[in-house]
């Protein structure tokens, strides 16, 4: 029973300390260091670049396969009876 009471008191103390820190220093987002924000921005840009490269690669391969499939289904041109270059 005493352990529960002690845990409750520590919890209340922690909440009061956090509330006091928020009142004194602002919200957590405002207290976040600039390096952390820049790191998150760089990671976001890298992930976006990888996603864009993947989309372009899938589009390129899909177009290439579609062109090959269309070329395979097209009839072969008939050979001409006259030689090229002679009129």
C-alpha atoms as a PDB file:
ATOM      1  CA  UNK A   1       0.000   0.000   0.000  1.00  0.00           C
ATOM      2  CA  UNK A   2       2.842   2.386   0.847  1.00  0.00           C
ATOM      3  CA  UNK A   3       4.470   1.659  -2.505  1.00  0.00           C
ATOM      4  CA  UNK A   4       1.313   2.765  -4.327  1.00  0.00           C
ATOM      5  CA  UNK A   5       1.167   5.948  -2.297  1.00  0.00           C
ATOM      6  CA  UNK A   6       4.838   6.637  -2.980  1.00  0.00           C
ATOM      7  CA  UNK A   7       4.339   6.026  -6.722  1.00  0.00           C
ATOM      8  CA  UNK A   8       1.354   8.378  -6.762  1.00  0.00           C
ATOM      9  CA  UNK A   9       3.289  11.106  -4.968  1.00  0.00           C
ATOM     10  CA  UNK A  10       6.215  10.765  -7.391  1.00  0.00           C
ATOM     11  CA  UNK A  11       3.819  10.913 -10.327  1.00  0.00           C
ATOM     12  CA  UNK A  12       2.215  14.098  -9.001  1.00  0.00           C
ATOM     13  CA  UNK A  13       5.657  15.623  -8.393  1.00  0.00           C
ATOM     14  CA  UNK A  14       6.740  14.783 -11.938  1.00  0.00           C
ATOM     15  CA  UNK A  15       3.588  16.300 -13.412  1.00  0.00           C
ATOM     16  CA  UNK A  16       4.057  19.480 -11.393  1.00  0.00           C
ATOM     17  CA  UNK A  17       7.698  19.761 -12.507  1.00  0.00           C
ATOM     18  CA  UNK A  18       6.712  19.314 -16.152  1.00  0.00           C
ATOM     19  CA  UNK A  19       3.910  21.862 -15.831  1.00  0.00           C
ATOM     20  CA  UNK A  20       6.272  24.328 -14.160  1.00  0.00           C
ATOM     21  CA  UNK A  21       8.877  23.817 -16.887  1.00  0.00           C
ATOM     22  CA  UNK A  22       6.245  24.340 -19.589  1.00  0.00           C
ATOM     23  CA  UNK A  23       5.060  27.567 -17.963  1.00  0.00           C
ATOM     24  CA  UNK A  24       8.601  28.851 -17.445  1.00  0.00           C
ATOM     25  CA  UNK A  25      10.187  27.783 -20.761  1.00  0.00           C
ATOM     26  CA  UNK A  26       7.313  27.290 -23.190  1.00  0.00           C
ATOM     27  CA  UNK A  27       6.097  24.155 -24.905  1.00  0.00           C
ATOM     28  CA  UNK A  28       8.371  21.236 -25.760  1.00  0.00           C
ATOM     29  CA  UNK A  29       8.413  22.212 -29.442  1.00  0.00           C
ATOM     30  CA  UNK A  30       9.741  25.651 -28.566  1.00  0.00           C
ATOM     31  CA  UNK A  31      12.456  24.136 -26.345  1.00  0.00           C
ATOM     32  CA  UNK A  32      13.650  21.673 -28.984  1.00  0.00           C
ATOM     33  CA  UNK A  33      17.236  22.442 -30.028  1.00  0.00           C
ATOM     34  CA  UNK A  34      17.864  23.704 -33.550  1.00  0.00           C
ATOM     35  CA  UNK A  35      20.135  20.743 -34.382  1.00  0.00           C
ATOM     36  CA  UNK A  36      17.293  18.317 -33.763  1.00  0.00           C
ATOM     37  CA  UNK A  37      14.977  20.241 -36.080  1.00  0.00           C
ATOM     38  CA  UNK A  38      17.601  20.423 -38.835  1.00  0.00           C
ATOM     39  CA  UNK A  39      18.344  16.710 -38.502  1.00  0.00           C
ATOM     40  CA  UNK A  40      14.645  15.887 -38.893  1.00  0.00           C
ATOM     41  CA  UNK A  41      14.415  18.177 -41.928  1.00  0.00           C
ATOM     42  CA  UNK A  42      17.411  16.530 -43.611  1.00  0.00           C
ATOM     43  CA  UNK A  43      16.057  13.038 -42.924  1.00  0.00           C
ATOM     44  CA  UNK A  44      12.704  14.088 -44.401  1.00  0.00           C
ATOM     45  CA  UNK A  45      14.344  15.465 -47.545  1.00  0.00           C
ATOM     46  CA  UNK A  46      16.414  12.290 -47.996  1.00  0.00           C
ATOM     47  CA  UNK A  47      13.327  10.083 -47.610  1.00  0.00           C
ATOM     48  CA  UNK A  48      11.427  12.244 -50.113  1.00  0.00           C
ATOM     49  CA  UNK A  49      14.308  12.028 -52.606  1.00  0.00           C
ATOM     50  CA  UNK A  50      14.424   8.241 -52.290  1.00  0.00           C
ATOM     51  CA  UNK A  51      10.659   8.022 -52.819  1.00  0.00           C
ATOM     52  CA  UNK A  52      10.877  10.247 -55.919  1.00  0.00           C
ATOM     53  CA  UNK A  53      13.748   8.201 -57.356  1.00  0.00           C
ATOM     54  CA  UNK A  54      11.792   4.995 -56.780  1.00  0.00           C
ATOM     55  CA  UNK A  55       8.735   6.418 -58.575  1.00  0.00           C
ATOM     56  CA  UNK A  56      10.830   7.570 -61.548  1.00  0.00           C
ATOM     57  CA  UNK A  57      12.555   4.178 -61.732  1.00  0.00           C
ATOM     58  CA  UNK A  58       9.272   2.262 -61.647  1.00  0.00           C
ATOM     59  CA  UNK A  59       7.839   4.546 -64.350  1.00  0.00           C
ATOM     60  CA  UNK A  60      10.916   4.126 -66.549  1.00  0.00           C
ATOM     61  CA  UNK A  61      10.956   0.337 -66.250  1.00  0.00           C
ATOM     62  CA  UNK A  62       7.186   0.175 -66.843  1.00  0.00           C
ATOM     63  CA  UNK A  63       7.497   2.303 -69.991  1.00  0.00           C
ATOM     64  CA  UNK A  64      10.425   0.250 -71.242  1.00  0.00           C
ATOM     65  CA  UNK A  65       8.526  -3.013 -70.756  1.00  0.00           C
ATOM     66  CA  UNK A  66       5.433  -1.557 -72.444  1.00  0.00           C
ATOM     67  CA  UNK A  67       7.513  -0.468 -75.462  1.00  0.00           C
ATOM     68  CA  UNK A  68       9.046  -3.936 -75.762  1.00  0.00           C
ATOM     69  CA  UNK A  69       5.637  -5.596 -75.498  1.00  0.00           C
ATOM     70  CA  UNK A  70       4.241  -3.288 -78.205  1.00  0.00           C
ATOM     71  CA  UNK A  71       7.231  -3.983 -80.456  1.00  0.00           C
ATOM     72  CA  UNK A  72       6.802  -7.730 -80.006  1.00  0.00           C
ATOM     73  CA  UNK A  73       3.124  -7.565 -81.027  1.00  0.00           C
ATOM     74  CA  UNK A  74       3.674  -5.297 -84.062  1.00  0.00           C
ATOM     75  CA  UNK A  75       3.896  -7.091 -87.423  1.00  0.00           C
ATOM     76  CA  UNK A  76       7.313  -7.189 -89.054  1.00  0.00           C
ATOM     77  CA  UNK A  77       7.672  -4.849 -92.082  1.00  0.00           C
ATOM     78  CA  UNK A  78       7.569  -6.527 -95.504  1.00  0.00           C
ATOM     79  CA  UNK A  79      10.906  -6.584 -97.362  1.00  0.00           C
ATOM     80  CA  UNK A  80      11.039  -4.255-100.348  1.00  0.00           C
ATOM     81  CA  UNK A  81      11.777  -5.656-103.810  1.00  0.00           C
ATOM     82  CA  UNK A  82      13.881  -2.725-104.974  1.00  0.00           C
ATOM     83  CA  UNK A  83      17.275  -2.012-103.461  1.00  0.00           C
ATOM     84  CA  UNK A  84      17.609   1.087-101.364  1.00  0.00           C
ATOM     85  CA  UNK A  85      19.258   4.053-102.976  1.00  0.00           C
ATOM     86  CA  UNK A  86      18.163   3.060-106.568  1.00  0.00           C
ATOM     87  CA  UNK A  87      15.289   4.959-108.098  1.00  0.00           C
END
